Amino acid sequence: MKTRIAAAAIIEAPARQVYAILEDYVSGHPNILPPRYFADLQVEQGGVGAGTVIGFQMHVLGKTQRSRAAITEPEPGHVLVETNLPSGAVTTFTVDPRMGGQQAQVTIATELAVSSWLEGVFTRMLLHRIYVQELKLLAAYAKEHPLAIGANTSTATA
């Protein structure tokens, strides 16, 4: 069975800047990952947006698991997707401009297979907590790095 987990927040930064942080797996995205849960993000291919492949470690319940993900941009500047290899879990980052593009509503959502109702409940609770922390880190990073819009901002729209 599949389950869906999501969290959203308004980020007090331009939507273009927020998207640029998310799509930059070299110097942006690593700064928004809660270190309690994520470590050792490595760019295996690409580095910015679609075509990027990453490897990372995730720490949950005292266990560390190495994962890989391929990045796509079905709507550049608006939607960024990480597809876990090989599990197929899909995490989508959606950036919706607010206040004429000067703010961004960011939603992080994951759809993945779970083996039971109980596993689904636990997974939703854990990932929601992680995503809330990730959104807080994104807000802080965007505030601390107001000029963090990378060279690939031509794809980001407000």
C-alpha atoms as a PDB file:
ATOM      1  CA  MET A   1       0.000   0.000   0.000  1.00  0.00           C
ATOM      2  CA  LYS A   2       1.117   3.594  -0.569  1.00  0.00           C
ATOM      3  CA  THR A   3       1.192   6.482   1.852  1.00  0.00           C
ATOM      4  CA  ARG A   4       1.694  10.205   1.357  1.00  0.00           C
ATOM      5  CA  ILE A   5       3.428  12.568   3.750  1.00  0.00           C
ATOM      6  CA  ALA A   6       3.535  16.341   3.331  1.00  0.00           C
ATOM      7  CA  ALA A   7       4.501  19.514   5.141  1.00  0.00           C
ATOM      8  CA  ALA A   8       4.324  23.117   3.956  1.00  0.00           C
ATOM      9  CA  ALA A   9       5.481  26.545   5.090  1.00  0.00           C
ATOM     10  CA  ILE A  10       5.655  30.124   3.899  1.00  0.00           C
ATOM     11  CA  ILE A  11       9.297  31.127   3.423  1.00  0.00           C
ATOM     12  CA  GLU A  12      10.071  34.842   3.763  1.00  0.00           C
ATOM     13  CA  ALA A  13      12.293  34.965   0.698  1.00  0.00           C
ATOM     14  CA  PRO A  14      11.737  35.391  -3.026  1.00  0.00           C
ATOM     15  CA  ALA A  15      10.365  32.260  -4.692  1.00  0.00           C
ATOM     16  CA  ARG A  16      13.212  32.343  -7.243  1.00  0.00           C
ATOM     17  CA  GLN A  17      15.805  32.307  -4.476  1.00  0.00           C
ATOM     18  CA  VAL A  18      14.076  29.479  -2.612  1.00  0.00           C
ATOM     19  CA  TYR A  19      13.854  27.332  -5.729  1.00  0.00           C
ATOM     20  CA  ALA A  20      17.507  28.058  -6.538  1.00  0.00           C
ATOM     21  CA  ILE A  21      18.508  26.768  -3.082  1.00  0.00           C
ATOM     22  CA  LEU A  22      16.464  23.596  -3.528  1.00  0.00           C
ATOM     23  CA  GLU A  23      17.788  22.773  -7.001  1.00  0.00           C
ATOM     24  CA  ASP A  24      21.449  23.388  -6.086  1.00  0.00           C
ATOM     25  CA  TYR A  25      22.636  20.065  -4.673  1.00  0.00           C
ATOM     26  CA  VAL A  26      26.236  21.301  -4.466  1.00  0.00           C
ATOM     27  CA  SER A  27      25.952  24.356  -2.221  1.00  0.00           C
ATOM     28  CA  GLY A  28      22.260  24.994  -1.496  1.00  0.00           C
ATOM     29  CA  HIS A  29      20.236  21.859  -0.770  1.00  0.00           C
ATOM     30  CA  PRO A  30      22.800  20.259   1.590  1.00  0.00           C
ATOM     31  CA  ASN A  31      22.299  23.201   3.980  1.00  0.00           C
ATOM     32  CA  ILE A  32      18.605  22.503   4.496  1.00  0.00           C
ATOM     33  CA  LEU A  33      18.950  18.833   5.470  1.00  0.00           C
ATOM     34  CA  PRO A  34      18.504  18.181   9.207  1.00  0.00           C
ATOM     35  CA  PRO A  35      21.888  16.762  10.285  1.00  0.00           C
ATOM     36  CA  ARG A  36      20.211  14.468  12.812  1.00  0.00           C
ATOM     37  CA  TYR A  37      18.721  12.524   9.903  1.00  0.00           C
ATOM     38  CA  PHE A  38      20.899  13.200   6.855  1.00  0.00           C
ATOM     39  CA  ALA A  39      24.640  13.022   6.229  1.00  0.00           C
ATOM     40  CA  ASP A  40      27.199  12.748   3.493  1.00  0.00           C
ATOM     41  CA  LEU A  41      25.209  14.120   0.552  1.00  0.00           C
ATOM     42  CA  GLN A  42      27.322  13.431  -2.525  1.00  0.00           C
ATOM     43  CA  VAL A  43      26.586  14.630  -6.050  1.00  0.00           C
ATOM     44  CA  GLU A  44      27.241  11.711  -8.386  1.00  0.00           C
ATOM     45  CA  GLN A  45      26.111  13.431 -11.573  1.00  0.00           C
ATOM     46  CA  GLY A  46      25.126  16.990 -12.483  1.00  0.00           C
ATOM     47  CA  GLY A  47      24.625  19.175  -9.448  1.00  0.00           C
ATOM     48  CA  VAL A  48      21.877  21.656 -10.286  1.00  0.00           C
ATOM     49  CA  GLY A  49      18.326  20.587 -11.070  1.00  0.00           C
ATOM     50  CA  ALA A  50      17.250  17.996 -13.621  1.00  0.00           C
ATOM     51  CA  GLY A  51      19.764  15.287 -14.420  1.00  0.00           C
ATOM     52  CA  THR A  52      21.373  15.408 -10.989  1.00  0.00           C
ATOM     53  CA  VAL A  53      21.960  12.113  -9.182  1.00  0.00           C
ATOM     54  CA  ILE A  54      22.778  12.190  -5.476  1.00  0.00           C
ATOM     55  CA  GLY A  55      23.842   9.731  -2.818  1.00  0.00           C
ATOM     56  CA  PHE A  56      23.240  10.331   0.877  1.00  0.00           C
ATOM     57  CA  GLN A  57      22.993   8.662   4.248  1.00  0.00           C
ATOM     58  CA  MET A  58      19.807   8.712   6.284  1.00  0.00           C
ATOM     59  CA  HIS A  59      19.837   7.994  10.030  1.00  0.00           C
ATOM     60  CA  VAL A  60      16.582   6.672  11.487  1.00  0.00           C
ATOM     61  CA  LEU A  61      16.023   4.736  14.711  1.00  0.00           C
ATOM     62  CA  GLY A  62      19.717   4.196  15.277  1.00  0.00           C
ATOM     63  CA  LYS A  63      20.264   2.764  11.814  1.00  0.00           C
ATOM     64  CA  THR A  64      22.114   4.364   8.910  1.00  0.00           C
ATOM     65  CA  GLN A  65      21.057   3.611   5.364  1.00  0.00           C
ATOM     66  CA  ARG A  66      22.764   4.736   2.166  1.00  0.00           C
ATOM     67  CA  SER A  67      20.370   5.901  -0.557  1.00  0.00           C
ATOM     68  CA  ARG A  68      20.505   7.378  -4.039  1.00  0.00           C
ATOM     69  CA  ALA A  69      18.071   9.649  -5.842  1.00  0.00           C
ATOM     70  CA  ALA A  70      17.615  11.004  -9.351  1.00  0.00           C
ATOM     71  CA  ILE A  71      16.396  14.583  -9.760  1.00  0.00           C
ATOM     72  CA  THR A  72      13.870  15.772 -12.330  1.00  0.00           C
ATOM     73  CA  GLU A  73      12.108  19.094 -12.837  1.00  0.00           C
ATOM     74  CA  PRO A  74       8.649  18.516 -14.310  1.00  0.00           C
ATOM     75  CA  GLU A  75       8.017  22.272 -13.923  1.00  0.00           C
ATOM     76  CA  PRO A  76      11.370  24.100 -13.711  1.00  0.00           C
ATOM     77  CA  GLY A  77      11.242  26.930 -11.208  1.00  0.00           C
ATOM     78  CA  HIS A  78       8.165  25.421  -9.568  1.00  0.00           C
ATOM     79  CA  VAL A  79       8.443  21.633  -9.049  1.00  0.00           C
ATOM     80  CA  LEU A  80      11.549  19.580  -8.228  1.00  0.00           C
ATOM     81  CA  VAL A  81      11.292  15.799  -7.819  1.00  0.00           C
ATOM     82  CA  GLU A  82      13.662  13.343  -6.123  1.00  0.00           C
ATOM     83  CA  THR A  83      13.042   9.711  -7.049  1.00  0.00           C
ATOM     84  CA  ASN A  84      14.724   7.249  -4.712  1.00  0.00           C
ATOM     85  CA  LEU A  85      16.702   4.564  -6.527  1.00  0.00           C
ATOM     86  CA  PRO A  86      15.682   1.743  -6.468  1.00  0.00           C
ATOM     87  CA  SER A  87      12.764   1.976  -3.962  1.00  0.00           C
ATOM     88  CA  GLY A  88      10.803   4.354  -6.166  1.00  0.00           C
ATOM     89  CA  ALA A  89       9.765   6.637  -3.303  1.00  0.00           C
ATOM     90  CA  VAL A  90       9.064  10.074  -4.772  1.00  0.00           C
ATOM     91  CA  THR A  91       9.665  13.321  -2.903  1.00  0.00           C
ATOM     92  CA  THR A  92       8.340  16.478  -4.518  1.00  0.00           C
ATOM     93  CA  PHE A  93       9.357  20.024  -3.631  1.00  0.00           C
ATOM     94  CA  THR A  94       6.785  22.546  -4.842  1.00  0.00           C
ATOM     95  CA  VAL A  95       7.520  26.274  -4.694  1.00  0.00           C
ATOM     96  CA  ASP A  96       4.499  28.534  -5.144  1.00  0.00           C
ATOM     97  CA  PRO A  97       5.175  32.275  -5.278  1.00  0.00           C
ATOM     98  CA  ARG A  98       3.277  34.503  -2.844  1.00  0.00           C
ATOM     99  CA  MET A  99       3.212  38.279  -2.445  1.00  0.00           C
ATOM    100  CA  GLY A 100       4.265  38.887  -6.047  1.00  0.00           C
ATOM    101  CA  GLY A 101       7.070  36.343  -5.797  1.00  0.00           C
ATOM    102  CA  GLN A 102       8.636  37.934  -2.692  1.00  0.00           C
ATOM    103  CA  GLN A 103       7.585  34.972  -0.543  1.00  0.00           C
ATOM    104  CA  ALA A 104       7.325  31.286  -1.321  1.00  0.00           C
ATOM    105  CA  GLN A 105       4.966  28.623  -0.123  1.00  0.00           C
ATOM    106  CA  VAL A 106       7.070  25.472  -0.111  1.00  0.00           C
ATOM    107  CA  THR A 107       5.534  22.023   0.117  1.00  0.00           C
ATOM    108  CA  ILE A 108       7.587  18.881   0.611  1.00  0.00           C
ATOM    109  CA  ALA A 109       5.615  15.720  -0.108  1.00  0.00           C
ATOM    110  CA  THR A 110       6.625  12.086  -0.377  1.00  0.00           C
ATOM    111  CA  GLU A 111       4.729   9.128  -1.717  1.00  0.00           C
ATOM    112  CA  LEU A 112       6.093   5.704  -0.882  1.00  0.00           C
ATOM    113  CA  ALA A 113       5.086   2.094  -0.363  1.00  0.00           C
ATOM    114  CA  VAL A 114       4.552   0.798   3.163  1.00  0.00           C
ATOM    115  CA  SER A 115       3.880  -2.757   4.234  1.00  0.00           C
ATOM    116  CA  SER A 116       1.200  -2.082   6.847  1.00  0.00           C
ATOM    117  CA  TRP A 117      -1.121   0.513   8.327  1.00  0.00           C
ATOM    118  CA  LEU A 118       1.135   0.803  11.381  1.00  0.00           C
ATOM    119  CA  GLU A 119       4.245   1.332   9.267  1.00  0.00           C
ATOM    120  CA  GLY A 120       2.355   4.024   7.362  1.00  0.00           C
ATOM    121  CA  VAL A 121       1.409   5.855  10.564  1.00  0.00           C
ATOM    122  CA  PHE A 122       4.965   5.714  11.892  1.00  0.00           C
ATOM    123  CA  THR A 123       6.465   6.774   8.554  1.00  0.00           C
ATOM    124  CA  ARG A 124       4.073   9.736   8.264  1.00  0.00           C
ATOM    125  CA  MET A 125       4.919  10.916  11.789  1.00  0.00           C
ATOM    126  CA  LEU A 126       8.675  10.609  11.271  1.00  0.00           C
ATOM    127  CA  LEU A 127       8.855  12.160   7.807  1.00  0.00           C
ATOM    128  CA  HIS A 128       6.492  14.998   8.737  1.00  0.00           C
ATOM    129  CA  ARG A 129       8.820  15.872  11.647  1.00  0.00           C
ATOM    130  CA  ILE A 130      11.828  15.782   9.313  1.00  0.00           C
ATOM    131  CA  TYR A 131      10.089  17.975   6.711  1.00  0.00           C
ATOM    132  CA  VAL A 132       9.073  20.578   9.293  1.00  0.00           C
ATOM    133  CA  GLN A 133      12.730  20.806  10.351  1.00  0.00           C
ATOM    134  CA  GLU A 134      13.842  20.961   6.714  1.00  0.00           C
ATOM    135  CA  LEU A 135      11.458  23.853   6.016  1.00  0.00           C
ATOM    136  CA  LYS A 136      12.784  25.741   9.058  1.00  0.00           C
ATOM    137  CA  LEU A 137      16.349  25.218   7.862  1.00  0.00           C
ATOM    138  CA  LEU A 138      15.345  26.392   4.370  1.00  0.00           C
ATOM    139  CA  ALA A 139      13.812  29.579   5.815  1.00  0.00           C
ATOM    140  CA  ALA A 140      16.909  30.290   7.898  1.00  0.00           C
ATOM    141  CA  TYR A 141      19.308  29.568   5.033  1.00  0.00           C
ATOM    142  CA  ALA A 142      17.352  31.783   2.632  1.00  0.00           C
ATOM    143  CA  LYS A 143      17.387  34.606   5.187  1.00  0.00           C
ATOM    144  CA  GLU A 144      21.129  34.244   5.848  1.00  0.00           C
ATOM    145  CA  HIS A 145      21.983  33.994   2.131  1.00  0.00           C
ATOM    146  CA  PRO A 146      19.777  36.545   0.367  1.00  0.00           C
ATOM    147  CA  LEU A 147      21.948  36.435  -2.749  1.00  0.00           C
ATOM    148  CA  ALA A 148      22.032  32.627  -2.917  1.00  0.00           C
ATOM    149  CA  ILE A 149      20.382  32.626  -6.337  1.00  0.00           C
ATOM    150  CA  GLY A 150      22.712  30.476  -8.407  1.00  0.00           C
ATOM    151  CA  ALA A 151      23.729  30.690 -12.022  1.00  0.00           C
ATOM    152  CA  ASN A 152      20.802  28.508 -13.058  1.00  0.00           C
ATOM    153  CA  THR A 153      18.090  31.017 -12.084  1.00  0.00           C
ATOM    154  CA  SER A 154      16.932  31.379 -15.669  1.00  0.00           C
ATOM    155  CA  THR A 155      14.743  28.321 -15.014  1.00  0.00           C
ATOM    156  CA  ALA A 156      13.211  29.757 -11.864  1.00  0.00           C
ATOM    157  CA  THR A 157      10.070  31.790 -12.288  1.00  0.00           C
ATOM    158  CA  ALA A 158       8.320  34.027  -9.826  1.00  0.00           C
END
